[in-house]
Amino acid sequence: MASDVGDRRNTDASDAADRYRQAAEHALDQLDWTVNYLYRIHKSDLARGLAKNGASIRRRLSNRPQT
């Protein structure tokens, strides 16, 4: 019985982590779109800064252990 509760908590935590990871990926996709848009409208300095931030976020996310 106690094992069932522990398994459910682990599953809930894993599901939540998956949802957060997926939300982060969607947000980074939107950031990519924005960066491309800024390049197209000749706002290159701003686009470069955002692209650098996005790359940093991606690096940090990829270095995190999977739950």
PDB file of N, CA and C in Angstrom:
ATOM      1  N   MET A   1       0.822  -1.191   0.000  1.00  0.00           N
ATOM      2  CA  MET A   1       0.000   0.000   0.000  1.00  0.00           C
ATOM      3  C   MET A   1       0.864   1.253   0.000  1.00  0.00           C
ATOM      4  N   ALA A   2       1.842   1.318   0.900  1.00  0.00           N
ATOM      5  CA  ALA A   2       2.719   2.491   0.945  1.00  0.00           C
ATOM      6  C   ALA A   2       3.511   2.612  -0.345  1.00  0.00           C
ATOM      7  N   SER A   3       3.849   1.488  -0.940  1.00  0.00           N
ATOM      8  CA  SER A   3       4.581   1.493  -2.206  1.00  0.00           C
ATOM      9  C   SER A   3       3.740   2.110  -3.314  1.00  0.00           C
ATOM     10  N   ASP A   4       2.423   1.831  -3.293  1.00  0.00           N
ATOM     11  CA  ASP A   4       1.528   2.414  -4.292  1.00  0.00           C
ATOM     12  C   ASP A   4       1.516   3.933  -4.202  1.00  0.00           C
ATOM     13  N   VAL A   5       1.503   4.460  -2.995  1.00  0.00           N
ATOM     14  CA  VAL A   5       1.494   5.908  -2.787  1.00  0.00           C
ATOM     15  C   VAL A   5       2.803   6.509  -3.289  1.00  0.00           C
ATOM     16  N   GLY A   6       3.914   5.873  -2.978  1.00  0.00           N
ATOM     17  CA  GLY A   6       5.221   6.354  -3.433  1.00  0.00           C
ATOM     18  C   GLY A   6       5.330   6.318  -4.945  1.00  0.00           C
ATOM     19  N   ASP A   7       4.815   5.244  -5.562  1.00  0.00           N
ATOM     20  CA  ASP A   7       4.839   5.133  -7.021  1.00  0.00           C
ATOM     21  C   ASP A   7       3.997   6.232  -7.662  1.00  0.00           C
ATOM     22  N   ARG A   8       2.853   6.535  -7.067  1.00  0.00           N
ATOM     23  CA  ARG A   8       1.974   7.571  -7.607  1.00  0.00           C
ATOM     24  C   ARG A   8       2.646   8.935  -7.514  1.00  0.00           C
ATOM     25  N   ARG A   9       3.333   9.198  -6.405  1.00  0.00           N
ATOM     26  CA  ARG A   9       4.040  10.474  -6.243  1.00  0.00           C
ATOM     27  C   ARG A   9       5.144  10.615  -7.282  1.00  0.00           C
ATOM     28  N   ASN A  10       5.891   9.527  -7.501  1.00  0.00           N
ATOM     29  CA  ASN A  10       6.952   9.561  -8.506  1.00  0.00           C
ATOM     30  C   ASN A  10       6.386   9.796  -9.896  1.00  0.00           C
ATOM     31  N   THR A  11       5.261   9.148 -10.192  1.00  0.00           N
ATOM     32  CA  THR A  11       4.618   9.329 -11.493  1.00  0.00           C
ATOM     33  C   THR A  11       4.110  10.753 -11.639  1.00  0.00           C
ATOM     34  N   ASP A  12       3.489  11.294 -10.583  1.00  0.00           N
ATOM     35  CA  ASP A  12       2.996  12.671 -10.626  1.00  0.00           C
ATOM     36  C   ASP A  12       4.137  13.651 -10.830  1.00  0.00           C
ATOM     37  N   ALA A  13       5.237  13.444 -10.135  1.00  0.00           N
ATOM     38  CA  ALA A  13       6.393  14.335 -10.270  1.00  0.00           C
ATOM     39  C   ALA A  13       6.979  14.234 -11.670  1.00  0.00           C
ATOM     40  N   SER A  14       7.041  13.033 -12.195  1.00  0.00           N
ATOM     41  CA  SER A  14       7.562  12.825 -13.544  1.00  0.00           C
ATOM     42  C   SER A  14       6.655  13.478 -14.582  1.00  0.00           C
ATOM     43  N   ASP A  15       5.345  13.338 -14.403  1.00  0.00           N
ATOM     44  CA  ASP A  15       4.391  13.966 -15.317  1.00  0.00           C
ATOM     45  C   ASP A  15       4.520  15.487 -15.277  1.00  0.00           C
ATOM     46  N   ALA A  16       4.668  16.035 -14.087  1.00  0.00           N
ATOM     47  CA  ALA A  16       4.818  17.482 -13.952  1.00  0.00           C
ATOM     48  C   ALA A  16       6.110  17.952 -14.613  1.00  0.00           C
ATOM     49  N   ALA A  17       7.185  17.208 -14.418  1.00  0.00           N
ATOM     50  CA  ALA A  17       8.464  17.567 -15.038  1.00  0.00           C
ATOM     51  C   ALA A  17       8.344  17.523 -16.556  1.00  0.00           C
ATOM     52  N   ASP A  18       7.652  16.525 -17.073  1.00  0.00           N
ATOM     53  CA  ASP A  18       7.449  16.432 -18.521  1.00  0.00           C
ATOM     54  C   ASP A  18       6.640  17.617 -19.043  1.00  0.00           C
ATOM     55  N   ARG A  19       5.619  18.010 -18.296  1.00  0.00           N
ATOM     56  CA  ARG A  19       4.809  19.167 -18.721  1.00  0.00           C
ATOM     57  C   ARG A  19       5.639  20.442 -18.713  1.00  0.00           C
ATOM     58  N   TYR A  20       6.448  20.651 -17.682  1.00  0.00           N
ATOM     59  CA  TYR A  20       7.303  21.834 -17.621  1.00  0.00           C
ATOM     60  C   TYR A  20       8.336  21.826 -18.736  1.00  0.00           C
ATOM     61  N   ARG A  21       8.915  20.673 -19.013  1.00  0.00           N
ATOM     62  CA  ARG A  21       9.910  20.555 -20.090  1.00  0.00           C
ATOM     63  C   ARG A  21       9.262  20.879 -21.436  1.00  0.00           C
ATOM     64  N   GLN A  22       8.071  20.347 -21.643  1.00  0.00           N
ATOM     65  CA  GLN A  22       7.362  20.596 -22.898  1.00  0.00           C
ATOM     66  C   GLN A  22       6.990  22.079 -23.022  1.00  0.00           C
ATOM     67  N   ALA A  23       6.575  22.696 -21.934  1.00  0.00           N
ATOM     68  CA  ALA A  23       6.256  24.123 -21.956  1.00  0.00           C
ATOM     69  C   ALA A  23       7.508  24.952 -22.268  1.00  0.00           C
ATOM     70  N   ALA A  24       8.634  24.551 -21.709  1.00  0.00           N
ATOM     71  CA  ALA A  24       9.891  25.259 -21.993  1.00  0.00           C
ATOM     72  C   ALA A  24      10.259  25.134 -23.458  1.00  0.00           C
ATOM     73  N   GLU A  25      10.061  23.947 -24.029  1.00  0.00           N
ATOM     74  CA  GLU A  25      10.359  23.761 -25.452  1.00  0.00           C
ATOM     75  C   GLU A  25       9.461  24.623 -26.321  1.00  0.00           C
ATOM     76  N   HIS A  26       8.194  24.725 -25.965  1.00  0.00           N
ATOM     77  CA  HIS A  26       7.272  25.581 -26.722  1.00  0.00           C
ATOM     78  C   HIS A  26       7.682  27.047 -26.619  1.00  0.00           C
ATOM     79  N   ALA A  27       8.062  27.465 -25.434  1.00  0.00           N
ATOM     80  CA  ALA A  27       8.494  28.858 -25.247  1.00  0.00           C
ATOM     81  C   ALA A  27       9.756  29.143 -26.059  1.00  0.00           C
ATOM     82  N   LEU A  28      10.679  28.190 -26.106  1.00  0.00           N
ATOM     83  CA  LEU A  28      11.894  28.381 -26.894  1.00  0.00           C
ATOM     84  C   LEU A  28      11.583  28.391 -28.391  1.00  0.00           C
ATOM     85  N   ASP A  29      10.597  27.618 -28.826  1.00  0.00           N
ATOM     86  CA  ASP A  29      10.164  27.679 -30.228  1.00  0.00           C
ATOM     87  C   ASP A  29       9.615  29.065 -30.558  1.00  0.00           C
ATOM     88  N   GLN A  30       8.839  29.628 -29.635  1.00  0.00           N
ATOM     89  CA  GLN A  30       8.311  30.977 -29.848  1.00  0.00           C
ATOM     90  C   GLN A  30       9.441  32.005 -29.871  1.00  0.00           C
ATOM     91  N   LEU A  31      10.442  31.801 -29.032  1.00  0.00           N
ATOM     92  CA  LEU A  31      11.600  32.690 -29.031  1.00  0.00           C
ATOM     93  C   LEU A  31      12.325  32.613 -30.371  1.00  0.00           C
ATOM     94  N   ASP A  32      12.482  31.405 -30.919  1.00  0.00           N
ATOM     95  CA  ASP A  32      13.106  31.249 -32.239  1.00  0.00           C
ATOM     96  C   ASP A  32      12.339  32.022 -33.304  1.00  0.00           C
ATOM     97  N   TRP A  33      11.016  31.914 -33.266  1.00  0.00           N
ATOM     98  CA  TRP A  33      10.193  32.640 -34.231  1.00  0.00           C
ATOM     99  C   TRP A  33      10.440  34.140 -34.106  1.00  0.00           C
ATOM    100  N   THR A  34      10.471  34.624 -32.875  1.00  0.00           N
ATOM    101  CA  THR A  34      10.688  36.047 -32.623  1.00  0.00           C
ATOM    102  C   THR A  34      12.056  36.496 -33.121  1.00  0.00           C
ATOM    103  N   VAL A  35      13.083  35.698 -32.872  1.00  0.00           N
ATOM    104  CA  VAL A  35      14.431  36.026 -33.334  1.00  0.00           C
ATOM    105  C   VAL A  35      14.444  36.137 -34.854  1.00  0.00           C
ATOM    106  N   ASN A  36      13.831  35.165 -35.531  1.00  0.00           N
ATOM    107  CA  ASN A  36      13.781  35.210 -36.996  1.00  0.00           C
ATOM    108  C   ASN A  36      13.030  36.437 -37.490  1.00  0.00           C
ATOM    109  N   TYR A  37      11.941  36.760 -36.834  1.00  0.00           N
ATOM    110  CA  TYR A  37      11.172  37.953 -37.204  1.00  0.00           C
ATOM    111  C   TYR A  37      12.020  39.208 -37.044  1.00  0.00           C
ATOM    112  N   LEU A  38      12.722  39.315 -35.936  1.00  0.00           N
ATOM    113  CA  LEU A  38      13.552  40.496 -35.704  1.00  0.00           C
ATOM    114  C   LEU A  38      14.661  40.616 -36.745  1.00  0.00           C
ATOM    115  N   TYR A  39      15.230  39.504 -37.165  1.00  0.00           N
ATOM    116  CA  TYR A  39      16.220  39.552 -38.250  1.00  0.00           C
ATOM    117  C   TYR A  39      15.576  40.064 -39.537  1.00  0.00           C
ATOM    118  N   ARG A  40      14.369  39.584 -39.830  1.00  0.00           N
ATOM    119  CA  ARG A  40      13.697  39.986 -41.072  1.00  0.00           C
ATOM    120  C   ARG A  40      13.375  41.473 -41.088  1.00  0.00           C
ATOM    121  N   ILE A  41      13.090  42.060 -39.928  1.00  0.00           N
ATOM    122  CA  ILE A  41      12.768  43.488 -39.894  1.00  0.00           C
ATOM    123  C   ILE A  41      14.001  44.329 -39.553  1.00  0.00           C
ATOM    124  N   HIS A  42      15.168  43.713 -39.705  1.00  0.00           N
ATOM    125  CA  HIS A  42      16.456  44.412 -39.568  1.00  0.00           C
ATOM    126  C   HIS A  42      16.721  44.933 -38.158  1.00  0.00           C
ATOM    127  N   LYS A  43      16.320  44.177 -37.176  1.00  0.00           N
ATOM    128  CA  LYS A  43      16.641  44.461 -35.770  1.00  0.00           C
ATOM    129  C   LYS A  43      17.665  43.430 -35.300  1.00  0.00           C
ATOM    130  N   SER A  44      18.787  43.392 -36.020  1.00  0.00           N
ATOM    131  CA  SER A  44      19.780  42.337 -35.833  1.00  0.00           C
ATOM    132  C   SER A  44      20.394  42.329 -34.442  1.00  0.00           C
ATOM    133  N   ASP A  45      20.691  43.494 -33.882  1.00  0.00           N
ATOM    134  CA  ASP A  45      21.308  43.532 -32.552  1.00  0.00           C
ATOM    135  C   ASP A  45      20.393  42.893 -31.503  1.00  0.00           C
ATOM    136  N   LEU A  46      19.132  43.245 -31.564  1.00  0.00           N
ATOM    137  CA  LEU A  46      18.163  42.681 -30.619  1.00  0.00           C
ATOM    138  C   LEU A  46      18.002  41.177 -30.857  1.00  0.00           C
ATOM    139  N   ALA A  47      17.944  40.785 -32.120  1.00  0.00           N
ATOM    140  CA  ALA A  47      17.796  39.368 -32.454  1.00  0.00           C
ATOM    141  C   ALA A  47      18.996  38.564 -31.957  1.00  0.00           C
ATOM    142  N   ARG A  48      20.193  39.094 -32.125  1.00  0.00           N
ATOM    143  CA  ARG A  48      21.393  38.388 -31.659  1.00  0.00           C
ATOM    144  C   ARG A  48      21.365  38.208 -30.146  1.00  0.00           C
ATOM    145  N   GLY A  49      20.972  39.249 -29.433  1.00  0.00           N
ATOM    146  CA  GLY A  49      20.903  39.151 -27.971  1.00  0.00           C
ATOM    147  C   GLY A  49      19.910  38.099 -27.512  1.00  0.00           C
ATOM    148  N   LEU A  50      18.734  38.084 -28.135  1.00  0.00           N
ATOM    149  CA  LEU A  50      17.728  37.079 -27.769  1.00  0.00           C
ATOM    150  C   LEU A  50      18.175  35.672 -28.153  1.00  0.00           C
ATOM    151  N   ALA A  51      18.827  35.542 -29.308  1.00  0.00           N
ATOM    152  CA  ALA A  51      19.318  34.227 -29.734  1.00  0.00           C
ATOM    153  C   ALA A  51      20.370  33.710 -28.758  1.00  0.00           C
ATOM    154  N   LYS A  52      21.216  34.604 -28.290  1.00  0.00           N
ATOM    155  CA  LYS A  52      22.245  34.213 -27.313  1.00  0.00           C
ATOM    156  C   LYS A  52      21.587  33.749 -26.002  1.00  0.00           C
ATOM    157  N   ASN A  53      20.577  34.479 -25.558  1.00  0.00           N
ATOM    158  CA  ASN A  53      19.855  34.076 -24.344  1.00  0.00           C
ATOM    159  C   ASN A  53      19.180  32.723 -24.531  1.00  0.00           C
ATOM    160  N   GLY A  54      18.551  32.523 -25.694  1.00  0.00           N
ATOM    161  CA  GLY A  54      17.892  31.250 -25.971  1.00  0.00           C
ATOM    162  C   GLY A  54      18.872  30.094 -25.975  1.00  0.00           C
ATOM    163  N   ALA A  55      20.055  30.321 -26.560  1.00  0.00           N
ATOM    164  CA  ALA A  55      21.079  29.272 -26.586  1.00  0.00           C
ATOM    165  C   ALA A  55      21.540  28.932 -25.169  1.00  0.00           C
ATOM    166  N   SER A  56      21.670  29.945 -24.344  1.00  0.00           N
ATOM    167  CA  SER A  56      22.073  29.729 -22.958  1.00  0.00           C
ATOM    168  C   SER A  56      21.023  28.910 -22.203  1.00  0.00           C
ATOM    169  N   ILE A  57      19.766  29.240 -22.412  1.00  0.00           N
ATOM    170  CA  ILE A  57      18.678  28.505 -21.756  1.00  0.00           C
ATOM    171  C   ILE A  57      18.656  27.064 -22.231  1.00  0.00           C
ATOM    172  N   ARG A  58      18.805  26.852 -23.533  1.00  0.00           N
ATOM    173  CA  ARG A  58      18.825  25.487 -24.073  1.00  0.00           C
ATOM    174  C   ARG A  58      19.971  24.674 -23.474  1.00  0.00           C
ATOM    175  N   ARG A  59      21.143  25.308 -23.363  1.00  0.00           N
ATOM    176  CA  ARG A  59      22.300  24.621 -22.790  1.00  0.00           C
ATOM    177  C   ARG A  59      22.015  24.196 -21.365  1.00  0.00           C
ATOM    178  N   ARG A  60      21.446  25.107 -20.570  1.00  0.00           N
ATOM    179  CA  ARG A  60      21.147  24.779 -19.173  1.00  0.00           C
ATOM    180  C   ARG A  60      20.100  23.683 -19.065  1.00  0.00           C
ATOM    181  N   LEU A  61      19.096  23.724 -19.935  1.00  0.00           N
ATOM    182  CA  LEU A  61      18.067  22.678 -19.898  1.00  0.00           C
ATOM    183  C   LEU A  61      18.629  21.319 -20.300  1.00  0.00           C
ATOM    184  N   SER A  62      19.538  21.314 -21.262  1.00  0.00           N
ATOM    185  CA  SER A  62      20.086  20.031 -21.708  1.00  0.00           C
ATOM    186  C   SER A  62      21.049  19.436 -20.691  1.00  0.00           C
ATOM    187  N   ASN A  63      21.602  20.254 -19.801  1.00  0.00           N
ATOM    188  CA  ASN A  63      22.524  19.766 -18.786  1.00  0.00           C
ATOM    189  C   ASN A  63      21.816  19.257 -17.534  1.00  0.00           C
ATOM    190  N   ARG A  64      20.531  19.468 -17.444  1.00  0.00           N
ATOM    191  CA  ARG A  64      19.788  19.006 -16.267  1.00  0.00           C
ATOM    192  C   ARG A  64      19.513  17.520 -16.350  1.00  0.00           C
ATOM    193  N   PRO A  65      19.568  16.852 -15.226  1.00  0.00           N
ATOM    194  CA  PRO A  65      19.250  15.421 -15.234  1.00  0.00           C
ATOM    195  C   PRO A  65      17.772  15.210 -15.546  1.00  0.00           C
ATOM    196  N   GLN A  66      17.473  14.163 -16.291  1.00  0.00           N
ATOM    197  CA  GLN A  66      16.101  13.822 -16.607  1.00  0.00           C
ATOM    198  C   GLN A  66      15.473  13.158 -15.390  1.00  0.00           C
ATOM    199  N   THR A  67      14.212  13.504 -15.087  1.00  0.00           N
ATOM    200  CA  THR A  67      13.530  12.868 -13.947  1.00  0.00           C
ATOM    201  C   THR A  67      12.569  11.821 -14.422  1.00  0.00           C
TER     202      THR A  67
END
